Every structure is written in structure tokens, then in C-alpha cells.
Amino acid sequence: MVNKLIQNIPLSDAYKSQRDTYTKEEVNALIAAAVSEARAIDEASMAKHNRDATVISMILGFTVLALFIDGLLRILGIIPPFMDIDVNIIDDITQQVLEKLPKL
């Protein structure tokens, strides 16, 4: 009698559609799909990383180049001193050269 009652209990559709096992071919297909998806994600993330790294390198390169040129032009005396810090060396070099020249 209990067996008859258990057999007549309605089951949900979710329980009927669940499987406990996969075949070897299904497992291999799932693994291949996961690997191809991971490779696609990896390629996309590396492309984004390369693009971002290029932009950051360009910004840093232009900044360093601008600061180098600014310092060079200040040393040569083409740009006036900043905050009264005079790094002009041209006057010192010309004065030393003139001192070492023989008097005519």
C-alpha cells in the first residue's frame, strides 16, 4: 500500500529532467567549449591590457620628454629661471673660457 502511494505522488518537472551522469563525449564537448571561451576571454583581456599600457606609456613618455626639454632650455638660458632658481650654466662657462684665454 505504501509503495502504491509513493508511486502515485506527482513529481516535479525539474526532478524528471535532471541527470546524474554525463557521457564521455558530452564531458569532452563541455571542456572544449570552456577552453575556447577561456581563450577568447584571455585574448580580449590581453588586448585591453596592451592598449591601456600603450596609452600610459605614451603619457609618461611625453611628460618625461617635456620635463627634459624644459630643464635643458633652462640650463641653456633660453627659458627664464623658475622660482628664482637659476640653473643657467652658459654664463659660467663663457666666464671660465674668457679667463683662460691669453690676453692680447
PDB file of N, CA and C in Angstrom:
ATOM      1  N   MET A   1       0.808  -1.182   0.000  1.00  0.00           N
ATOM      2  CA  MET A   1       0.000   0.000   0.000  1.00  0.00           C
ATOM      3  C   MET A   1       0.870   1.273   0.000  1.00  0.00           C
ATOM      4  N   VAL A   2       1.926   1.300   0.800  1.00  0.00           N
ATOM      5  CA  VAL A   2       2.813   2.464   0.845  1.00  0.00           C
ATOM      6  C   VAL A   2       3.500   2.641  -0.507  1.00  0.00           C
ATOM      7  N   ASN A   3       3.924   1.547  -1.107  1.00  0.00           N
ATOM      8  CA  ASN A   3       4.572   1.630  -2.421  1.00  0.00           C
ATOM      9  C   ASN A   3       3.627   2.213  -3.452  1.00  0.00           C
ATOM     10  N   LYS A   4       2.357   1.833  -3.366  1.00  0.00           N
ATOM     11  CA  LYS A   4       1.376   2.331  -4.307  1.00  0.00           C
ATOM     12  C   LYS A   4       1.167   3.836  -4.111  1.00  0.00           C
ATOM     13  N   LEU A   5       1.170   4.312  -2.877  1.00  0.00           N
ATOM     14  CA  LEU A   5       1.024   5.737  -2.601  1.00  0.00           C
ATOM     15  C   LEU A   5       2.235   6.521  -3.100  1.00  0.00           C
ATOM     16  N   ILE A   6       3.419   5.975  -2.899  1.00  0.00           N
ATOM     17  CA  ILE A   6       4.643   6.655  -3.329  1.00  0.00           C
ATOM     18  C   ILE A   6       4.685   6.753  -4.844  1.00  0.00           C
ATOM     19  N   GLN A   7       4.248   5.723  -5.515  1.00  0.00           N
ATOM     20  CA  GLN A   7       4.281   5.749  -6.971  1.00  0.00           C
ATOM     21  C   GLN A   7       3.290   6.769  -7.546  1.00  0.00           C
ATOM     22  N   ASN A   8       2.231   7.040  -6.826  1.00  0.00           N
ATOM     23  CA  ASN A   8       1.228   7.963  -7.324  1.00  0.00           C
ATOM     24  C   ASN A   8       1.503   9.427  -6.966  1.00  0.00           C
ATOM     25  N   ILE A   9       2.534   9.685  -6.209  1.00  0.00           N
ATOM     26  CA  ILE A   9       2.877  11.066  -5.857  1.00  0.00           C
ATOM     27  C   ILE A   9       3.421  11.756  -7.100  1.00  0.00           C
ATOM     28  N   PRO A  10       2.859  12.918  -7.445  1.00  0.00           N
ATOM     29  CA  PRO A  10       3.345  13.598  -8.657  1.00  0.00           C
ATOM     30  C   PRO A  10       4.743  14.179  -8.421  1.00  0.00           C
ATOM     31  N   LEU A  11       5.588  14.062  -9.425  1.00  0.00           N
ATOM     32  CA  LEU A  11       6.950  14.587  -9.355  1.00  0.00           C
ATOM     33  C   LEU A  11       7.034  15.874 -10.162  1.00  0.00           C
ATOM     34  N   SER A  12       7.924  16.740  -9.751  1.00  0.00           N
ATOM     35  CA  SER A  12       8.084  17.995 -10.490  1.00  0.00           C
ATOM     36  C   SER A  12       8.834  17.740 -11.793  1.00  0.00           C
ATOM     37  N   ASP A  13       8.691  18.675 -12.719  1.00  0.00           N
ATOM     38  CA  ASP A  13       9.378  18.539 -13.999  1.00  0.00           C
ATOM     39  C   ASP A  13      10.888  18.681 -13.842  1.00  0.00           C
ATOM     40  N   ALA A  14      11.333  19.477 -12.869  1.00  0.00           N
ATOM     41  CA  ALA A  14      12.757  19.672 -12.659  1.00  0.00           C
ATOM     42  C   ALA A  14      13.405  18.362 -12.240  1.00  0.00           C
ATOM     43  N   TYR A  15      12.738  17.611 -11.437  1.00  0.00           N
ATOM     44  CA  TYR A  15      13.311  16.345 -10.985  1.00  0.00           C
ATOM     45  C   TYR A  15      13.376  15.349 -12.138  1.00  0.00           C
ATOM     46  N   LYS A  16      12.385  15.364 -12.981  1.00  0.00           N
ATOM     47  CA  LYS A  16      12.357  14.416 -14.088  1.00  0.00           C
ATOM     48  C   LYS A  16      13.444  14.722 -15.119  1.00  0.00           C
ATOM     49  N   SER A  17      13.800  15.997 -15.271  1.00  0.00           N
ATOM     50  CA  SER A  17      14.776  16.350 -16.308  1.00  0.00           C
ATOM     51  C   SER A  17      16.219  16.302 -15.818  1.00  0.00           C
ATOM     52  N   GLN A  18      16.454  16.137 -14.536  1.00  0.00           N
ATOM     53  CA  GLN A  18      17.818  16.094 -14.024  1.00  0.00           C
ATOM     54  C   GLN A  18      18.477  14.778 -14.374  1.00  0.00           C
ATOM     55  N   ARG A  19      19.784  14.893 -14.692  1.00  0.00           N
ATOM     56  CA  ARG A  19      20.551  13.685 -14.957  1.00  0.00           C
ATOM     57  C   ARG A  19      21.673  13.612 -13.940  1.00  0.00           C
ATOM     58  N   ASP A  20      22.070  12.442 -13.610  1.00  0.00           N
ATOM     59  CA  ASP A  20      23.155  12.263 -12.653  1.00  0.00           C
ATOM     60  C   ASP A  20      24.501  12.065 -13.334  1.00  0.00           C
ATOM     61  N   THR A  21      24.496  11.683 -14.595  1.00  0.00           N
ATOM     62  CA  THR A  21      25.752  11.373 -15.268  1.00  0.00           C
ATOM     63  C   THR A  21      25.800  12.025 -16.645  1.00  0.00           C
ATOM     64  N   TYR A  22      27.016  12.173 -17.154  1.00  0.00           N
ATOM     65  CA  TYR A  22      27.264  12.658 -18.498  1.00  0.00           C
ATOM     66  C   TYR A  22      28.094  11.614 -19.223  1.00  0.00           C
ATOM     67  N   THR A  23      27.961  11.577 -20.510  1.00  0.00           N
ATOM     68  CA  THR A  23      28.797  10.665 -21.289  1.00  0.00           C
ATOM     69  C   THR A  23      30.159  11.302 -21.486  1.00  0.00           C
ATOM     70  N   LYS A  24      31.113  10.483 -21.905  1.00  0.00           N
ATOM     71  CA  LYS A  24      32.468  10.978 -22.120  1.00  0.00           C
ATOM     72  C   LYS A  24      32.482  12.030 -23.229  1.00  0.00           C
ATOM     73  N   GLU A  25      31.718  11.848 -24.260  1.00  0.00           N
ATOM     74  CA  GLU A  25      31.660  12.809 -25.359  1.00  0.00           C
ATOM     75  C   GLU A  25      31.082  14.147 -24.886  1.00  0.00           C
ATOM     76  N   GLU A  26      30.058  14.086 -24.040  1.00  0.00           N
ATOM     77  CA  GLU A  26      29.468  15.320 -23.510  1.00  0.00           C
ATOM     78  C   GLU A  26      30.460  16.065 -22.624  1.00  0.00           C
ATOM     79  N   VAL A  27      31.198  15.328 -21.815  1.00  0.00           N
ATOM     80  CA  VAL A  27      32.203  15.954 -20.951  1.00  0.00           C
ATOM     81  C   VAL A  27      33.297  16.597 -21.801  1.00  0.00           C
ATOM     82  N   ASN A  28      33.757  15.893 -22.821  1.00  0.00           N
ATOM     83  CA  ASN A  28      34.790  16.457 -23.695  1.00  0.00           C
ATOM     84  C   ASN A  28      34.283  17.697 -24.431  1.00  0.00           C
ATOM     85  N   ALA A  29      33.021  17.668 -24.854  1.00  0.00           N
ATOM     86  CA  ALA A  29      32.442  18.831 -25.520  1.00  0.00           C
ATOM     87  C   ALA A  29      32.337  20.012 -24.553  1.00  0.00           C
ATOM     88  N   LEU A  30      31.938  19.765 -23.308  1.00  0.00           N
ATOM     89  CA  LEU A  30      31.852  20.839 -22.311  1.00  0.00           C
ATOM     90  C   LEU A  30      33.229  21.423 -22.015  1.00  0.00           C
ATOM     91  N   ILE A  31      34.230  20.560 -21.917  1.00  0.00           N
ATOM     92  CA  ILE A  31      35.596  21.025 -21.647  1.00  0.00           C
ATOM     93  C   ILE A  31      36.111  21.846 -22.825  1.00  0.00           C
ATOM     94  N   ALA A  32      35.868  21.383 -24.045  1.00  0.00           N
ATOM     95  CA  ALA A  32      36.326  22.120 -25.230  1.00  0.00           C
ATOM     96  C   ALA A  32      35.654  23.490 -25.308  1.00  0.00           C
ATOM     97  N   ALA A  33      34.363  23.548 -24.990  1.00  0.00           N
ATOM     98  CA  ALA A  33      33.660  24.831 -25.005  1.00  0.00           C
ATOM     99  C   ALA A  33      34.215  25.772 -23.940  1.00  0.00           C
ATOM    100  N   ALA A  34      34.495  25.240 -22.764  1.00  0.00           N
ATOM    101  CA  ALA A  34      35.037  26.070 -21.685  1.00  0.00           C
ATOM    102  C   ALA A  34      36.434  26.580 -22.032  1.00  0.00           C
ATOM    103  N   VAL A  35      37.255  25.730 -22.643  1.00  0.00           N
ATOM    104  CA  VAL A  35      38.615  26.129 -23.008  1.00  0.00           C
ATOM    105  C   VAL A  35      38.580  27.205 -24.092  1.00  0.00           C
ATOM    106  N   SER A  36      37.719  27.042 -25.086  1.00  0.00           N
ATOM    107  CA  SER A  36      37.641  28.054 -26.135  1.00  0.00           C
ATOM    108  C   SER A  36      37.110  29.385 -25.593  1.00  0.00           C
ATOM    109  N   GLU A  37      36.170  29.329 -24.669  1.00  0.00           N
ATOM    110  CA  GLU A  37      35.666  30.557 -24.043  1.00  0.00           C
ATOM    111  C   GLU A  37      36.755  31.228 -23.209  1.00  0.00           C
ATOM    112  N   ALA A  38      37.539  30.420 -22.486  1.00  0.00           N
ATOM    113  CA  ALA A  38      38.630  30.978 -21.679  1.00  0.00           C
ATOM    114  C   ALA A  38      39.688  31.622 -22.566  1.00  0.00           C
ATOM    115  N   ARG A  39      39.975  30.996 -23.711  1.00  0.00           N
ATOM    116  CA  ARG A  39      40.961  31.587 -24.633  1.00  0.00           C
ATOM    117  C   ARG A  39      40.453  32.907 -25.198  1.00  0.00           C
ATOM    118  N   ALA A  40      39.178  32.965 -25.527  1.00  0.00           N
ATOM    119  CA  ALA A  40      38.607  34.208 -26.051  1.00  0.00           C
ATOM    120  C   ALA A  40      38.658  35.314 -25.002  1.00  0.00           C
ATOM    121  N   ILE A  41      38.338  34.980 -23.770  1.00  0.00           N
ATOM    122  CA  ILE A  41      38.401  35.958 -22.674  1.00  0.00           C
ATOM    123  C   ILE A  41      39.842  36.417 -22.463  1.00  0.00           C
ATOM    124  N   ASP A  42      40.787  35.478 -22.530  1.00  0.00           N
ATOM    125  CA  ASP A  42      42.200  35.805 -22.346  1.00  0.00           C
ATOM    126  C   ASP A  42      42.689  36.734 -23.447  1.00  0.00           C
ATOM    127  N   GLU A  43      42.320  36.448 -24.697  1.00  0.00           N
ATOM    128  CA  GLU A  43      42.739  37.305 -25.803  1.00  0.00           C
ATOM    129  C   GLU A  43      42.153  38.703 -25.670  1.00  0.00           C
ATOM    130  N   ALA A  44      40.898  38.800 -25.269  1.00  0.00           N
ATOM    131  CA  ALA A  44      40.269  40.111 -25.104  1.00  0.00           C
ATOM    132  C   ALA A  44      40.919  40.895 -23.966  1.00  0.00           C
ATOM    133  N   SER A  45      41.206  40.222 -22.862  1.00  0.00           N
ATOM    134  CA  SER A  45      41.810  40.934 -21.730  1.00  0.00           C
ATOM    135  C   SER A  45      43.249  41.353 -22.044  1.00  0.00           C
ATOM    136  N   MET A  46      43.987  40.537 -22.793  1.00  0.00           N
ATOM    137  CA  MET A  46      45.348  40.927 -23.167  1.00  0.00           C
ATOM    138  C   MET A  46      45.339  42.099 -24.147  1.00  0.00           C
ATOM    139  N   ALA A  47      44.369  42.124 -25.061  1.00  0.00           N
ATOM    140  CA  ALA A  47      44.262  43.257 -25.989  1.00  0.00           C
ATOM    141  C   ALA A  47      43.959  44.544 -25.226  1.00  0.00           C
ATOM    142  N   LYS A  48      43.070  44.473 -24.242  1.00  0.00           N
ATOM    143  CA  LYS A  48      42.744  45.651 -23.429  1.00  0.00           C
ATOM    144  C   LYS A  48      43.962  46.091 -22.625  1.00  0.00           C
ATOM    145  N   HIS A  49      44.673  45.120 -22.059  1.00  0.00           N
ATOM    146  CA  HIS A  49      45.871  45.449 -21.278  1.00  0.00           C
ATOM    147  C   HIS A  49      46.917  46.132 -22.165  1.00  0.00           C
ATOM    148  N   ASN A  50      47.148  45.594 -23.352  1.00  0.00           N
ATOM    149  CA  ASN A  50      48.141  46.189 -24.255  1.00  0.00           C
ATOM    150  C   ASN A  50      47.748  47.601 -24.662  1.00  0.00           C
ATOM    151  N   ARG A  51      46.470  47.826 -24.929  1.00  0.00           N
ATOM    152  CA  ARG A  51      46.012  49.161 -25.305  1.00  0.00           C
ATOM    153  C   ARG A  51      46.196  50.140 -24.139  1.00  0.00           C
ATOM    154  N   ASP A  52      45.797  49.721 -22.943  1.00  0.00           N
ATOM    155  CA  ASP A  52      45.938  50.601 -21.774  1.00  0.00           C
ATOM    156  C   ASP A  52      47.409  50.877 -21.457  1.00  0.00           C
ATOM    157  N   ALA A  53      48.251  49.852 -21.558  1.00  0.00           N
ATOM    158  CA  ALA A  53      49.675  50.040 -21.280  1.00  0.00           C
ATOM    159  C   ALA A  53      50.317  50.976 -22.294  1.00  0.00           C
ATOM    160  N   THR A  54      49.871  50.899 -23.544  1.00  0.00           N
ATOM    161  CA  THR A  54      50.405  51.786 -24.576  1.00  0.00           C
ATOM    162  C   THR A  54      50.043  53.238 -24.283  1.00  0.00           C
ATOM    163  N   VAL A  55      48.816  53.469 -23.899  1.00  0.00           N
ATOM    164  CA  VAL A  55      48.378  54.837 -23.591  1.00  0.00           C
ATOM    165  C   VAL A  55      49.141  55.388 -22.392  1.00  0.00           C
ATOM    166  N   ILE A  56      49.294  54.581 -21.356  1.00  0.00           N
ATOM    167  CA  ILE A  56      50.025  55.030 -20.163  1.00  0.00           C
ATOM    168  C   ILE A  56      51.481  55.316 -20.511  1.00  0.00           C
ATOM    169  N   SER A  57      52.104  54.460 -21.325  1.00  0.00           N
ATOM    170  CA  SER A  57      53.497  54.680 -21.719  1.00  0.00           C
ATOM    171  C   SER A  57      53.650  55.946 -22.543  1.00  0.00           C
ATOM    172  N   MET A  58      52.693  56.205 -23.422  1.00  0.00           N
ATOM    173  CA  MET A  58      52.758  57.437 -24.213  1.00  0.00           C
ATOM    174  C   MET A  58      52.661  58.662 -23.311  1.00  0.00           C
ATOM    175  N   ILE A  59      51.752  58.645 -22.359  1.00  0.00           N
ATOM    176  CA  ILE A  59      51.596  59.791 -21.452  1.00  0.00           C
ATOM    177  C   ILE A  59      52.871  60.010 -20.644  1.00  0.00           C
ATOM    178  N   LEU A  60      53.424  58.932 -20.086  1.00  0.00           N
ATOM    179  CA  LEU A  60      54.657  59.064 -19.307  1.00  0.00           C
ATOM    180  C   LEU A  60      55.822  59.525 -20.176  1.00  0.00           C
ATOM    181  N   GLY A  61      55.911  58.995 -21.393  1.00  0.00           N
ATOM    182  CA  GLY A  61      56.998  59.389 -22.291  1.00  0.00           C
ATOM    183  C   GLY A  61      56.945  60.852 -22.662  1.00  0.00           C
ATOM    184  N   PHE A  62      55.763  61.338 -23.024  1.00  0.00           N
ATOM    185  CA  PHE A  62      55.634  62.754 -23.367  1.00  0.00           C
ATOM    186  C   PHE A  62      55.911  63.646 -22.164  1.00  0.00           C
ATOM    187  N   THR A  63      55.491  63.227 -20.974  1.00  0.00           N
ATOM    188  CA  THR A  63      55.738  64.025 -19.766  1.00  0.00           C
ATOM    189  C   THR A  63      57.231  64.114 -19.469  1.00  0.00           C
ATOM    190  N   VAL A  64      57.913  62.972 -19.524  1.00  0.00           N
ATOM    191  CA  VAL A  64      59.357  62.968 -19.250  1.00  0.00           C
ATOM    192  C   VAL A  64      60.104  63.775 -20.306  1.00  0.00           C
ATOM    193  N   LEU A  65      59.717  63.633 -21.560  1.00  0.00           N
ATOM    194  CA  LEU A  65      60.366  64.396 -22.627  1.00  0.00           C
ATOM    195  C   LEU A  65      60.154  65.900 -22.442  1.00  0.00           C
ATOM    196  N   ALA A  66      58.936  66.286 -22.067  1.00  0.00           N
ATOM    197  CA  ALA A  66      58.652  67.714 -21.849  1.00  0.00           C
ATOM    198  C   ALA A  66      59.479  68.257 -20.686  1.00  0.00           C
ATOM    199  N   LEU A  67      59.576  67.496 -19.602  1.00  0.00           N
ATOM    200  CA  LEU A  67      60.381  67.954 -18.467  1.00  0.00           C
ATOM    201  C   LEU A  67      61.861  68.017 -18.816  1.00  0.00           C
ATOM    202  N   PHE A  68      62.340  67.065 -19.603  1.00  0.00           N
ATOM    203  CA  PHE A  68      63.743  67.093 -20.028  1.00  0.00           C
ATOM    204  C   PHE A  68      64.028  68.323 -20.874  1.00  0.00           C
ATOM    205  N   ILE A  69      63.162  68.605 -21.836  1.00  0.00           N
ATOM    206  CA  ILE A  69      63.361  69.774 -22.701  1.00  0.00           C
ATOM    207  C   ILE A  69      63.277  71.063 -21.892  1.00  0.00           C
ATOM    208  N   ASP A  70      62.358  71.113 -20.928  1.00  0.00           N
ATOM    209  CA  ASP A  70      62.250  72.296 -20.086  1.00  0.00           C
ATOM    210  C   ASP A  70      63.543  72.517 -19.307  1.00  0.00           C
ATOM    211  N   GLY A  71      64.066  71.458 -18.716  1.00  0.00           N
ATOM    212  CA  GLY A  71      65.318  71.591 -17.970  1.00  0.00           C
ATOM    213  C   GLY A  71      66.487  71.968 -18.858  1.00  0.00           C
ATOM    214  N   LEU A  72      66.550  71.385 -20.046  1.00  0.00           N
ATOM    215  CA  LEU A  72      67.627  71.711 -20.972  1.00  0.00           C
ATOM    216  C   LEU A  72      67.566  73.178 -21.397  1.00  0.00           C
ATOM    217  N   LEU A  73      66.390  73.660 -21.716  1.00  0.00           N
ATOM    218  CA  LEU A  73      66.249  75.057 -22.124  1.00  0.00           C
ATOM    219  C   LEU A  73      66.530  76.012 -20.968  1.00  0.00           C
ATOM    220  N   ARG A  74      66.241  75.609 -19.735  1.00  0.00           N
ATOM    221  CA  ARG A  74      66.574  76.462 -18.578  1.00  0.00           C
ATOM    222  C   ARG A  74      68.087  76.492 -18.353  1.00  0.00           C
ATOM    223  N   ILE A  75      68.751  75.349 -18.536  1.00  0.00           N
ATOM    224  CA  ILE A  75      70.209  75.317 -18.369  1.00  0.00           C
ATOM    225  C   ILE A  75      70.889  76.172 -19.433  1.00  0.00           C
ATOM    226  N   LEU A  76      70.347  76.125 -20.641  1.00  0.00           N
ATOM    227  CA  LEU A  76      70.946  76.915 -21.715  1.00  0.00           C
ATOM    228  C   LEU A  76      70.577  78.385 -21.636  1.00  0.00           C
ATOM    229  N   GLY A  77      69.660  78.751 -20.763  1.00  0.00           N
ATOM    230  CA  GLY A  77      69.298  80.147 -20.560  1.00  0.00           C
ATOM    231  C   GLY A  77      68.248  80.649 -21.523  1.00  0.00           C
ATOM    232  N   ILE A  78      67.622  79.784 -22.253  1.00  0.00           N
ATOM    233  CA  ILE A  78      66.599  80.208 -23.208  1.00  0.00           C
ATOM    234  C   ILE A  78      65.290  80.525 -22.483  1.00  0.00           C
ATOM    235  N   ILE A  79      64.985  79.758 -21.448  1.00  0.00           N
ATOM    236  CA  ILE A  79      63.790  79.990 -20.628  1.00  0.00           C
ATOM    237  C   ILE A  79      64.250  80.625 -19.317  1.00  0.00           C
ATOM    238  N   PRO A  80      63.555  81.641 -18.830  1.00  0.00           N
ATOM    239  CA  PRO A  80      63.979  82.291 -17.585  1.00  0.00           C
ATOM    240  C   PRO A  80      63.855  81.354 -16.379  1.00  0.00           C
ATOM    241  N   PRO A  81      64.569  81.680 -15.300  1.00  0.00           N
ATOM    242  CA  PRO A  81      64.537  80.831 -14.108  1.00  0.00           C
ATOM    243  C   PRO A  81      63.130  80.701 -13.520  1.00  0.00           C
ATOM    244  N   PHE A  82      62.900  79.589 -12.849  1.00  0.00           N
ATOM    245  CA  PHE A  82      61.616  79.313 -12.209  1.00  0.00           C
ATOM    246  C   PHE A  82      61.810  79.399 -10.710  1.00  0.00           C
ATOM    247  N   MET A  83      60.997  80.195 -10.025  1.00  0.00           N
ATOM    248  CA  MET A  83      61.055  80.397  -8.571  1.00  0.00           C
ATOM    249  C   MET A  83      62.454  80.853  -8.129  1.00  0.00           C
ATOM    250  N   ASP A  84      63.059  81.695  -8.920  1.00  0.00           N
ATOM    251  CA  ASP A  84      64.389  82.263  -8.631  1.00  0.00           C
ATOM    252  C   ASP A  84      65.474  81.199  -8.461  1.00  0.00           C
ATOM    253  N   ILE A  85      65.304  80.065  -9.085  1.00  0.00           N
ATOM    254  CA  ILE A  85      66.346  79.031  -9.086  1.00  0.00           C
ATOM    255  C   ILE A  85      67.030  79.112 -10.441  1.00  0.00           C
ATOM    256  N   ASP A  86      68.200  79.690 -10.462  1.00  0.00           N
ATOM    257  CA  ASP A  86      68.906  79.902 -11.721  1.00  0.00           C
ATOM    258  C   ASP A  86      69.856  78.738 -11.962  1.00  0.00           C
ATOM    259  N   VAL A  87      69.599  77.974 -12.994  1.00  0.00           N
ATOM    260  CA  VAL A  87      70.463  76.843 -13.338  1.00  0.00           C
ATOM    261  C   VAL A  87      71.195  77.096 -14.645  1.00  0.00           C
ATOM    262  N   ASN A  88      71.211  78.346 -15.090  1.00  0.00           N
ATOM    263  CA  ASN A  88      71.869  78.701 -16.341  1.00  0.00           C
ATOM    264  C   ASN A  88      73.369  78.501 -16.191  1.00  0.00           C
ATOM    265  N   ILE A  89      73.972  77.686 -17.040  1.00  0.00           N
ATOM    266  CA  ILE A  89      75.415  77.415 -16.947  1.00  0.00           C
ATOM    267  C   ILE A  89      76.207  78.070 -18.070  1.00  0.00           C
ATOM    268  N   ILE A  90      75.523  78.653 -19.025  1.00  0.00           N
ATOM    269  CA  ILE A  90      76.218  79.260 -20.163  1.00  0.00           C
ATOM    270  C   ILE A  90      77.084  80.429 -19.716  1.00  0.00           C
ATOM    271  N   ASP A  91      76.572  81.268 -18.823  1.00  0.00           N
ATOM    272  CA  ASP A  91      77.358  82.419 -18.345  1.00  0.00           C
ATOM    273  C   ASP A  91      78.608  81.956 -17.601  1.00  0.00           C
ATOM    274  N   ASP A  92      78.477  80.916 -16.774  1.00  0.00           N
ATOM    275  CA  ASP A  92      79.637  80.403 -16.037  1.00  0.00           C
ATOM    276  C   ASP A  92      80.681  79.820 -16.989  1.00  0.00           C
ATOM    277  N   ILE A  93      80.242  79.111 -18.001  1.00  0.00           N
ATOM    278  CA  ILE A  93      81.178  78.505 -18.951  1.00  0.00           C
ATOM    279  C   ILE A  93      81.904  79.586 -19.753  1.00  0.00           C
ATOM    280  N   THR A  94      81.166  80.575 -20.220  1.00  0.00           N
ATOM    281  CA  THR A  94      81.820  81.643 -21.008  1.00  0.00           C
ATOM    282  C   THR A  94      82.802  82.439 -20.148  1.00  0.00           C
ATOM    283  N   GLN A  95      82.466  82.656 -18.887  1.00  0.00           N
ATOM    284  CA  GLN A  95      83.373  83.392 -17.999  1.00  0.00           C
ATOM    285  C   GLN A  95      84.655  82.596 -17.769  1.00  0.00           C
ATOM    286  N   GLN A  96      84.557  81.290 -17.559  1.00  0.00           N
ATOM    287  CA  GLN A  96      85.751  80.472 -17.350  1.00  0.00           C
ATOM    288  C   GLN A  96      86.598  80.387 -18.607  1.00  0.00           C
ATOM    289  N   VAL A  97      85.974  80.314 -19.753  1.00  0.00           N
ATOM    290  CA  VAL A  97      86.730  80.270 -21.009  1.00  0.00           C
ATOM    291  C   VAL A  97      87.447  81.588 -21.227  1.00  0.00           C
ATOM    292  N   LEU A  98      86.776  82.716 -20.960  1.00  0.00           N
ATOM    293  CA  LEU A  98      87.413  84.003 -21.134  1.00  0.00           C
ATOM    294  C   LEU A  98      88.574  84.212 -20.166  1.00  0.00           C
ATOM    295  N   GLU A  99      88.504  83.664 -18.970  1.00  0.00           N
ATOM    296  CA  GLU A  99      89.588  83.795 -18.005  1.00  0.00           C
ATOM    297  C   GLU A  99      90.829  83.008 -18.451  1.00  0.00           C
ATOM    298  N   LYS A 100      90.609  81.882 -19.129  1.00  0.00           N
ATOM    299  CA  LYS A 100      91.742  81.047 -19.534  1.00  0.00           C
ATOM    300  C   LYS A 100      92.346  81.465 -20.874  1.00  0.00           C
ATOM    301  N   LEU A 101      91.685  82.329 -21.606  1.00  0.00           N
ATOM    302  CA  LEU A 101      92.237  82.803 -22.870  1.00  0.00           C
ATOM    303  C   LEU A 101      93.400  83.745 -22.584  1.00  0.00           C
ATOM    304  N   PRO A 102      94.419  83.652 -23.425  1.00  0.00           N
ATOM    305  CA  PRO A 102      95.542  84.589 -23.218  1.00  0.00           C
ATOM    306  C   PRO A 102      95.131  86.010 -23.593  1.00  0.00           C
ATOM    307  N   LYS A 103      95.669  86.941 -22.856  1.00  0.00           N
ATOM    308  CA  LYS A 103      95.356  88.355 -23.080  1.00  0.00           C
ATOM    309  C   LYS A 103      96.109  88.826 -24.318  1.00  0.00           C
ATOM    310  N   LEU A 104      95.429  89.521 -25.167  1.00  0.00           N
ATOM    311  CA  LEU A 104      96.076  90.051 -26.375  1.00  0.00           C
ATOM    312  C   LEU A 104      96.360  91.502 -26.274  1.00  0.00           C
TER     313      LEU A 104
END
